[in-house]
């Protein structure tokens, strides 16, 4: 478990932060050593007591985060918190434990009062960070979890570990050379003059232009040029000139690039709007499913809590009924029967508590699994949106540079392509 703690004040703000409804589920698991039975009032008690001391940071706040893919029982959270309490000399101090669940992950927060009411001063917490680091390593080893690199060596800590997951960039699938050659030769075969040749090219996404030194040039939608002749048409330049006429009557490569850039930009904007609308609609559906899931889970937890409380009351009454009254009670005390009954009741009560906690953990783990499944779908949608958004932005940026007449950009792209395979735009 990753353990992070700090000394702080701000009792009310901390309590409200811990109770934020932005989490799927919030549970105040324990309030120990406070007069109040709600978190806000409990932490404010500590603030009131601290006024009799010089302590400004009268609370110690701890977050307990297990690995995302592990189901950790409530008892294991409690044991870890108890070990921290002992390590930091906070044993028997007033304490609150709050569980949070969000995006299919469960973690805990513990808050202690640092005020020693016997001596009316704050308990000194010395070098808590290395102590928490060491205890974190021990917990990972004891549970058999893979230890994060940041706990093994501080030089291996990932500076991006608190950011969103890295999105894998989608690579653009371009046309391979034999496809380009087939497109150009097919356009040539189905045409008989310059006009019909241009029409056939345009149907396939190509544009005819005048080259600077190579006569007739064809550009694709990426503004990449192909010289018409032996390489792509398997005919001589003279044969091309015979059918198409004087190349000087054609527009220049730069003019055609601007036309392509403007046409492609308009088309890409339309596609981008269509994609954004589709993603927003799908996101709305998933958010609605999430809201209904959370409400359903809260009802199930409330129902379990109510059922357990009723069962606890019935079992407590049954155990209490085992004790005799009057003279029989005196006789039971003398013969030791009352002591045996008390031991039996204690054993059954502890077993019942363990049973109830196991039932609760089982339900929590089921809910976490449901939430994780939905979270994966939401992540895939965000990844798709991010990847496609990057592609749109890269292409629109390049076309914008071309349409604005920024020279040199395209030539540099061409040089990079000649050096090796493209990494995708």
Protein backbone atom coordinates (compact mmCIF):
# COMPACT_ATOMS: atom_id res chain seq x y z
CA UNK A 1 0.00 0.00 0.00
CA UNK A 2 1.19 3.49 -0.78
CA UNK A 3 1.13 5.54 2.42
CA UNK A 4 1.21 9.32 2.33
CA UNK A 5 0.71 11.52 5.35
CA UNK A 6 1.08 15.09 6.50
CA UNK A 7 0.47 17.30 9.51
CA UNK A 8 -2.20 19.90 8.92
CA UNK A 9 -4.89 22.17 10.32
CA UNK A 10 -8.18 23.09 8.70
CA UNK A 11 -10.46 20.61 10.45
CA UNK A 12 -13.68 21.61 8.72
CA UNK A 13 -12.15 21.81 5.24
CA UNK A 14 -10.54 18.40 5.64
CA UNK A 15 -13.78 16.83 6.83
CA UNK A 16 -15.76 18.30 3.92
CA UNK A 17 -13.08 17.16 1.50
CA UNK A 18 -13.28 13.60 2.83
CA UNK A 19 -17.07 13.64 2.49
CA UNK A 20 -17.11 14.94 -1.11
CA UNK A 21 -19.82 13.38 -3.25
CA UNK A 22 -17.52 13.28 -6.29
CA UNK A 23 -16.63 9.76 -5.16
CA UNK A 24 -18.88 6.85 -6.10
CA UNK A 25 -19.06 5.78 -2.45
CA UNK A 26 -17.98 7.46 0.79
CA UNK A 27 -18.11 5.58 4.09
CA UNK A 28 -17.16 6.95 7.50
CA UNK A 29 -15.88 3.64 8.79
CA UNK A 30 -14.75 4.70 12.28
CA UNK A 31 -14.88 7.60 14.71
CA UNK A 32 -12.82 6.70 17.76
CA UNK A 33 -12.25 8.87 20.80
CA UNK A 34 -14.57 11.72 19.82
CA UNK A 35 -17.69 12.97 21.58
CA UNK A 36 -19.40 13.70 18.26
CA UNK A 37 -20.81 11.05 15.95
CA UNK A 38 -20.27 12.90 12.64
CA UNK A 39 -16.96 13.62 10.94
CA UNK A 40 -17.20 17.41 10.68
CA UNK A 41 -18.05 17.87 14.37
CA UNK A 42 -15.45 15.30 15.41
CA UNK A 43 -12.56 17.07 13.70
CA UNK A 44 -13.80 20.44 14.96
CA UNK A 45 -13.52 19.01 18.48
CA UNK A 46 -9.80 18.58 17.88
CA UNK A 47 -9.56 22.17 16.66
CA UNK A 48 -11.32 23.44 19.80
CA UNK A 49 -8.96 21.49 22.05
CA UNK A 50 -5.92 22.69 20.08
CA UNK A 51 -6.78 26.31 20.94
CA UNK A 52 -5.40 25.62 24.42
CA UNK A 53 -2.03 24.81 22.83
CA UNK A 54 0.30 26.51 20.35
CA UNK A 55 -0.27 23.85 17.69
CA UNK A 56 -1.38 25.12 14.31
CA UNK A 57 -1.20 21.73 12.60
CA UNK A 58 -3.21 19.77 15.12
CA UNK A 59 -4.20 16.89 12.79
CA UNK A 60 -2.29 14.13 11.05
CA UNK A 61 -3.87 12.99 7.77
CA UNK A 62 -2.95 9.72 6.06
CA UNK A 63 -4.01 8.23 2.72
CA UNK A 64 -3.78 4.47 2.18
CA UNK A 65 -3.74 3.36 -1.46
CA UNK A 66 -3.44 -0.34 -2.39
CA UNK A 67 -2.62 -1.46 -5.96
CA UNK A 68 -5.46 -0.71 -8.38
CA UNK A 69 -5.95 -4.35 -9.38
CA UNK A 70 -6.07 -5.78 -5.86
CA UNK A 71 -9.14 -6.42 -3.68
CA UNK A 72 -8.03 -5.52 -0.15
CA UNK A 73 -10.18 -6.50 2.82
CA UNK A 74 -11.28 -3.89 5.33
CA UNK A 75 -9.33 -5.69 8.05
CA UNK A 76 -6.11 -5.27 6.05
CA UNK A 77 -6.71 -1.53 5.79
CA UNK A 78 -7.27 -1.41 9.56
CA UNK A 79 -4.06 -3.35 10.25
CA UNK A 80 -2.02 -1.04 8.04
CA UNK A 81 -3.48 2.05 9.71
CA UNK A 82 -2.79 0.55 13.15
CA UNK A 83 0.85 -0.01 12.19
CA UNK A 84 1.19 3.58 11.07
CA UNK A 85 -0.43 4.71 14.31
CA UNK A 86 2.10 2.79 16.37
CA UNK A 87 5.05 3.92 14.22
CA UNK A 88 4.14 7.60 14.56
CA UNK A 89 3.38 7.43 18.29
CA UNK A 90 -0.33 8.14 17.78
CA UNK A 91 -1.65 5.10 19.65
CA UNK A 92 -5.04 5.70 21.33
CA UNK A 93 -5.31 9.21 19.89
CA UNK A 94 -8.77 10.16 18.59
CA UNK A 95 -9.00 8.77 15.07
CA UNK A 96 -11.33 8.80 12.05
CA UNK A 97 -11.22 6.35 9.12
CA UNK A 98 -13.02 7.11 5.85
CA UNK A 99 -13.23 4.84 2.79
CA UNK A 100 -13.47 6.24 -0.74
CA UNK A 101 -14.38 4.46 -3.96
CA UNK A 102 -14.01 6.09 -7.34
CA UNK A 103 -13.45 4.77 -10.87
CA UNK A 104 -13.31 1.22 -9.58
CA UNK A 105 -10.60 1.89 -6.96
CA UNK A 106 -10.94 1.74 -3.19
CA UNK A 107 -8.66 3.58 -0.79
CA UNK A 108 -8.81 4.87 2.76
CA UNK A 109 -8.07 8.05 4.70
CA UNK A 110 -7.19 8.14 8.38
CA UNK A 111 -7.08 11.31 10.46
CA UNK A 112 -5.67 11.55 14.01
CA UNK A 113 -5.69 14.29 16.57
CA UNK A 114 -2.10 15.22 17.47
CA UNK A 115 -3.15 16.86 20.73
CA UNK A 116 -2.12 14.95 23.86
CA UNK A 117 -4.86 15.99 26.30
CA UNK A 118 -2.84 14.82 29.31
CA UNK A 119 0.06 17.17 28.62
CA UNK A 120 -1.94 19.62 26.46
CA UNK A 121 0.59 19.75 23.66
CA UNK A 122 0.91 18.32 20.17
CA UNK A 123 2.60 14.94 19.76
CA UNK A 124 5.90 15.35 17.93
CA UNK A 125 5.92 13.40 14.66
CA UNK A 126 9.52 13.07 13.50
CA UNK A 127 10.65 11.88 10.06
CA UNK A 128 7.27 10.46 9.13
CA UNK A 129 8.03 10.28 5.39
CA UNK A 130 10.86 7.69 5.58
CA UNK A 131 8.88 5.71 8.13
CA UNK A 132 5.87 5.57 5.81
CA UNK A 133 8.11 4.61 2.87
CA UNK A 134 9.61 1.72 4.81
CA UNK A 135 6.22 0.55 6.03
CA UNK A 136 4.88 0.74 2.46
CA UNK A 137 7.67 -1.55 1.26
CA UNK A 138 6.90 -4.00 4.05
CA UNK A 139 3.19 -4.08 3.15
CA UNK A 140 3.92 -4.72 -0.54
CA UNK A 141 6.27 -7.58 0.36
CA UNK A 142 3.89 -9.12 2.92
CA UNK A 143 0.97 -9.12 0.47
CA UNK A 144 3.07 -10.37 -2.42
CA UNK A 145 2.38 -7.32 -4.60
CA UNK A 146 4.81 -5.95 -7.17
CA UNK A 147 6.71 -3.12 -5.52
CA UNK A 148 6.51 0.20 -7.45
CA UNK A 149 9.85 1.44 -8.75
CA UNK A 150 9.48 4.60 -6.70
CA UNK A 151 9.61 2.53 -3.50
CA UNK A 152 12.68 0.61 -4.63
CA UNK A 153 14.84 3.55 -5.63
CA UNK A 154 13.96 7.22 -5.49
CA UNK A 155 15.75 7.74 -8.82
CA UNK A 156 13.22 5.43 -10.47
CA UNK A 157 10.15 7.40 -9.47
CA UNK A 158 7.87 8.18 -12.38
CA UNK A 159 7.27 11.95 -12.54
CA UNK A 160 4.06 11.34 -14.50
CA UNK A 161 2.50 8.78 -12.20
CA UNK A 162 -0.24 11.18 -11.08
CA UNK A 163 -1.24 12.11 -14.65
CA UNK A 164 -3.73 10.38 -16.89
CA UNK A 165 -2.63 7.18 -18.52
CA UNK A 166 -0.54 7.50 -21.69
CA UNK A 167 -2.66 7.17 -24.86
CA UNK A 168 -1.22 5.04 -27.61
CA UNK A 169 -1.01 7.07 -30.80
CA UNK A 170 -2.79 5.62 -33.81
CA UNK A 171 -0.68 5.40 -36.92
CA UNK A 172 -2.04 6.65 -40.18
CA UNK A 173 -2.39 3.99 -42.86
CA UNK A 174 -1.04 5.54 -46.08
CA UNK A 175 -1.13 4.15 -49.57
CA UNK A 176 1.71 1.82 -50.52
CA UNK A 177 3.64 2.49 -53.77
CA UNK A 178 1.94 -0.19 -55.86
CA UNK A 179 -1.48 1.27 -54.98
CA UNK A 180 -0.36 4.74 -56.06
CA UNK A 181 1.01 3.36 -59.31
CA UNK A 182 -2.24 1.47 -59.96
CA UNK A 183 -4.30 4.65 -59.35
CA UNK A 184 -2.20 6.74 -61.76
CA UNK A 185 -2.09 4.08 -64.50
CA UNK A 186 -5.82 3.45 -64.21
CA UNK A 187 -6.53 7.19 -64.53
CA UNK A 188 -4.28 7.33 -67.57
CA UNK A 189 -5.92 4.30 -69.21
CA UNK A 190 -9.45 5.66 -68.74
CA UNK A 191 -8.66 9.14 -70.12
CA UNK A 192 -7.94 10.55 -73.59
CA UNK A 193 -6.96 14.16 -72.90
CA UNK A 194 -5.94 16.52 -70.12
CA UNK A 195 -9.50 17.24 -68.97
CA UNK A 196 -10.56 13.61 -68.68
CA UNK A 197 -7.23 12.71 -67.04
CA UNK A 198 -7.72 15.39 -64.38
CA UNK A 199 -11.26 14.16 -63.73
CA UNK A 200 -10.07 10.59 -63.25
CA UNK A 201 -7.30 11.79 -60.93
CA UNK A 202 -9.68 13.91 -58.87
CA UNK A 203 -12.01 10.93 -58.39
CA UNK A 204 -9.09 9.09 -56.80
CA UNK A 205 -7.92 12.04 -54.68
CA UNK A 206 -5.09 13.30 -56.89
CA UNK A 207 -4.43 16.69 -58.50
CA UNK A 208 -2.47 17.59 -61.65
CA UNK A 209 0.10 20.39 -61.49
CA UNK A 210 3.13 21.86 -63.25
CA UNK A 211 6.43 20.78 -61.81
CA UNK A 212 9.43 23.05 -61.40
CA UNK A 213 11.84 20.76 -63.23
CA UNK A 214 9.98 17.53 -63.86
CA UNK A 215 7.20 18.65 -66.19
CA UNK A 216 3.88 17.14 -65.09
CA UNK A 217 3.36 16.48 -61.40
CA UNK A 218 0.52 14.70 -59.57
CA UNK A 219 -0.12 15.47 -55.87
CA UNK A 220 -2.10 13.30 -53.48
CA UNK A 221 -4.26 14.53 -50.59
CA UNK A 222 -1.14 14.79 -48.39
CA UNK A 223 0.44 17.15 -50.96
CA UNK A 224 3.07 14.55 -51.80
CA UNK A 225 4.27 14.88 -55.44
CA UNK A 226 4.64 12.14 -58.05
CA UNK A 227 6.30 12.85 -61.38
CA UNK A 228 4.46 11.50 -64.43
CA UNK A 229 6.71 9.41 -66.64
CA UNK A 230 8.60 6.13 -66.56
CA UNK A 231 8.40 5.56 -62.80
CA UNK A 232 4.65 5.84 -62.27
CA UNK A 233 3.09 5.52 -65.74
CA UNK A 234 5.74 3.37 -67.47
CA UNK A 235 5.71 5.76 -70.47
CA UNK A 236 7.98 8.55 -71.64
CA UNK A 237 7.52 12.22 -70.78
CA UNK A 238 7.00 12.96 -74.48
CA UNK A 239 3.99 10.59 -74.56
CA UNK A 240 2.57 12.39 -71.50
CA UNK A 241 3.12 15.80 -73.14
CA UNK A 242 1.49 14.60 -76.37
CA UNK A 243 -1.77 13.81 -74.57
CA UNK A 244 -1.79 16.52 -71.94
CA UNK A 245 -0.30 19.42 -73.93
CA UNK A 246 1.83 22.24 -72.54
CA UNK A 247 2.51 21.85 -68.80
CA UNK A 248 3.00 25.61 -68.47
CA UNK A 249 -0.76 26.04 -68.75
CA UNK A 250 -1.23 24.10 -65.52
CA UNK A 251 -1.20 25.57 -62.04
CA UNK A 252 2.01 25.38 -60.06
CA UNK A 253 2.65 22.83 -57.34
CA UNK A 254 2.41 25.55 -54.69
CA UNK A 255 -0.99 26.71 -55.97
CA UNK A 256 -2.33 23.15 -56.00
CA UNK A 257 -1.01 22.57 -52.49
CA UNK A 258 -3.02 25.55 -51.26
CA UNK A 259 -6.15 24.24 -52.98
CA UNK A 260 -5.66 20.76 -51.49
CA UNK A 261 -5.00 22.24 -48.05
CA UNK A 262 -8.18 24.33 -48.08
CA UNK A 263 -10.34 21.48 -49.41
CA UNK A 264 -8.92 18.99 -46.93
CA UNK A 265 -9.23 21.43 -44.02
CA UNK A 266 -12.91 21.97 -44.74
CA UNK A 267 -13.51 18.24 -45.03
CA UNK A 268 -11.54 17.47 -41.86
CA UNK A 269 -13.52 20.07 -39.88
CA UNK A 270 -16.75 18.39 -40.99
CA UNK A 271 -15.46 14.95 -39.99
CA UNK A 272 -14.22 16.32 -36.67
CA UNK A 273 -17.64 17.78 -35.85
CA UNK A 274 -19.31 14.47 -36.72
CA UNK A 275 -16.85 12.59 -34.51
CA UNK A 276 -17.27 14.99 -31.60
CA UNK A 277 -21.06 14.67 -31.77
CA UNK A 278 -20.84 10.87 -31.77
CA UNK A 279 -18.39 10.85 -28.85
CA UNK A 280 -20.53 13.27 -26.81
CA UNK A 281 -23.57 11.08 -27.35
CA UNK A 282 -21.68 7.95 -26.27
CA UNK A 283 -20.17 9.76 -23.28
CA UNK A 284 -23.65 10.80 -22.17
CA UNK A 285 -24.83 7.19 -22.31
CA UNK A 286 -21.88 5.98 -20.21
CA UNK A 287 -22.32 8.76 -17.65
CA UNK A 288 -25.99 7.85 -17.33
CA UNK A 289 -25.03 4.21 -16.80
CA UNK A 290 -22.52 5.29 -14.15
CA UNK A 291 -25.11 7.33 -12.24
CA UNK A 292 -27.59 4.45 -12.28
CA UNK A 293 -24.86 2.00 -11.22
CA UNK A 294 -23.78 4.15 -8.26
CA UNK A 295 -27.38 4.62 -7.10
CA UNK A 296 -28.01 0.89 -7.35
CA UNK A 297 -24.83 0.08 -5.43
CA UNK A 298 -25.72 2.54 -2.68
CA UNK A 299 -29.15 0.92 -2.32
CA UNK A 300 -27.54 -2.53 -2.08
CA UNK A 301 -25.10 -1.37 0.60
CA UNK A 302 -27.86 0.32 2.58
CA UNK A 303 -29.98 -2.85 2.35
CA UNK A 304 -27.08 -5.00 3.55
CA UNK A 305 -26.38 -2.62 6.44
CA UNK A 306 -30.04 -2.69 7.50
CA UNK A 307 -30.22 -6.48 7.26
CA UNK A 308 -27.03 -6.89 9.28
CA UNK A 309 -28.23 -4.50 11.99
CA UNK A 310 -31.51 -6.42 12.34
CA UNK A 311 -29.64 -9.70 12.52
CA UNK A 312 -27.21 -8.27 15.09
CA UNK A 313 -30.12 -7.17 17.29
CA UNK A 314 -31.76 -10.59 17.08
CA UNK A 315 -28.51 -12.42 17.81
CA UNK A 316 -27.72 -10.07 20.74
CA UNK A 317 -31.15 -10.74 22.24
CA UNK A 318 -30.67 -14.49 21.79
CA UNK A 319 -27.31 -14.42 23.52
CA UNK A 320 -28.68 -12.26 26.32
CA UNK A 321 -31.57 -14.71 26.85
CA UNK A 322 -29.06 -17.39 27.84
CA UNK A 323 -28.46 -15.66 31.16
CA UNK A 324 -30.80 -16.78 33.94
CA UNK A 325 -32.30 -14.35 36.43
CA UNK A 326 -32.93 -14.33 40.12
CA UNK A 327 -31.69 -17.29 42.19
CA UNK A 328 -30.76 -19.23 39.07
CA UNK A 329 -28.40 -16.42 38.09
CA UNK A 330 -26.70 -16.68 41.51
CA UNK A 331 -26.42 -20.45 41.13
CA UNK A 332 -24.97 -20.06 37.62
CA UNK A 333 -22.38 -17.63 38.97
CA UNK A 334 -21.37 -20.01 41.79
CA UNK A 335 -21.15 -23.07 39.51
CA UNK A 336 -19.27 -21.23 36.73
CA UNK A 337 -22.08 -21.69 34.20
CA UNK A 338 -22.42 -17.93 33.76
CA UNK A 339 -18.71 -17.64 32.90
CA UNK A 340 -19.03 -20.36 30.26
CA UNK A 341 -22.10 -18.69 28.83
CA UNK A 342 -20.25 -15.39 28.67
CA UNK A 343 -17.32 -17.01 26.84
CA UNK A 344 -19.71 -18.67 24.38
CA UNK A 345 -21.46 -15.36 23.73
CA UNK A 346 -18.14 -13.58 23.22
CA UNK A 347 -16.96 -16.21 20.73
CA UNK A 348 -20.23 -16.07 18.80
CA UNK A 349 -20.21 -12.26 18.77
CA UNK A 350 -16.67 -12.15 17.31
CA UNK A 351 -17.61 -14.74 14.69
CA UNK A 352 -20.71 -12.72 13.78
CA UNK A 353 -18.63 -9.55 13.43
CA UNK A 354 -16.17 -11.36 11.16
CA UNK A 355 -19.09 -12.76 9.12
CA UNK A 356 -20.67 -9.33 8.70
CA UNK A 357 -17.37 -7.75 7.68
CA UNK A 358 -16.74 -10.51 5.13
CA UNK A 359 -20.22 -10.05 3.68
CA UNK A 360 -19.61 -6.33 3.36
CA UNK A 361 -16.19 -6.77 1.73
CA UNK A 362 -17.63 -9.27 -0.75
CA UNK A 363 -20.29 -6.77 -1.80
CA UNK A 364 -17.71 -3.97 -2.04
CA UNK A 365 -15.43 -6.10 -4.24
CA UNK A 366 -18.36 -6.94 -6.52
CA UNK A 367 -19.19 -3.26 -6.85
CA UNK A 368 -15.56 -2.38 -7.57
CA UNK A 369 -15.45 -4.99 -10.34
CA UNK A 370 -18.63 -3.54 -11.86
CA UNK A 371 -17.18 -0.03 -11.71
CA UNK A 372 -13.87 -1.11 -13.21
CA UNK A 373 -15.67 -2.71 -16.15
CA UNK A 374 -17.50 0.54 -16.90
CA UNK A 375 -14.32 2.56 -16.32
CA UNK A 376 -12.51 0.50 -18.98
CA UNK A 377 -15.21 1.36 -21.49
CA UNK A 378 -14.94 5.04 -20.58
CA UNK A 379 -11.14 4.92 -20.88
CA UNK A 380 -11.35 3.33 -24.32
CA UNK A 381 -13.72 6.09 -25.44
CA UNK A 382 -11.42 8.80 -24.03
CA UNK A 383 -8.44 7.15 -25.71
CA UNK A 384 -10.26 7.04 -29.02
CA UNK A 385 -11.25 10.70 -28.66
CA UNK A 386 -7.72 11.71 -27.73
CA UNK A 387 -6.00 9.77 -30.52
CA UNK A 388 -8.35 10.99 -33.23
CA UNK A 389 -8.26 14.53 -31.88
CA UNK A 390 -4.47 14.54 -32.14
CA UNK A 391 -4.61 13.25 -35.70
CA UNK A 392 -7.15 15.89 -36.70
CA UNK A 393 -5.13 18.65 -35.07
CA UNK A 394 -1.84 17.54 -36.64
CA UNK A 395 -3.34 17.32 -40.13
CA UNK A 396 -5.26 20.58 -39.79
CA UNK A 397 -2.10 22.32 -38.57
CA UNK A 398 -0.09 21.08 -41.54
CA UNK A 399 -2.79 22.02 -44.03
CA UNK A 400 -3.14 25.42 -42.38
CA UNK A 401 0.60 26.05 -42.78
CA UNK A 402 0.41 25.06 -46.44
CA UNK A 403 -2.65 27.22 -47.16
CA UNK A 404 -1.00 30.21 -45.47
CA UNK A 405 2.03 29.84 -47.72
CA UNK A 406 4.51 28.85 -45.04
CA UNK A 407 7.38 27.52 -47.17
CA UNK A 408 9.92 24.98 -46.06
CA UNK A 409 7.54 22.95 -43.88
CA UNK A 410 6.52 20.60 -46.62
CA UNK A 411 10.08 20.22 -47.92
CA UNK A 412 11.27 19.20 -44.45
CA UNK A 413 8.51 16.59 -44.25
CA UNK A 414 9.64 15.25 -47.61
CA UNK A 415 13.25 14.95 -46.41
CA UNK A 416 12.14 13.08 -43.29
CA UNK A 417 10.12 10.65 -45.38
CA UNK A 418 13.09 9.96 -47.62
CA UNK A 419 15.23 9.08 -44.58
CA UNK A 420 12.89 6.39 -43.31
CA UNK A 421 9.35 5.26 -42.47
CA UNK A 422 7.05 7.94 -41.07
CA UNK A 423 5.95 7.73 -37.46
CA UNK A 424 2.52 8.99 -38.40
CA UNK A 425 1.13 12.49 -38.50
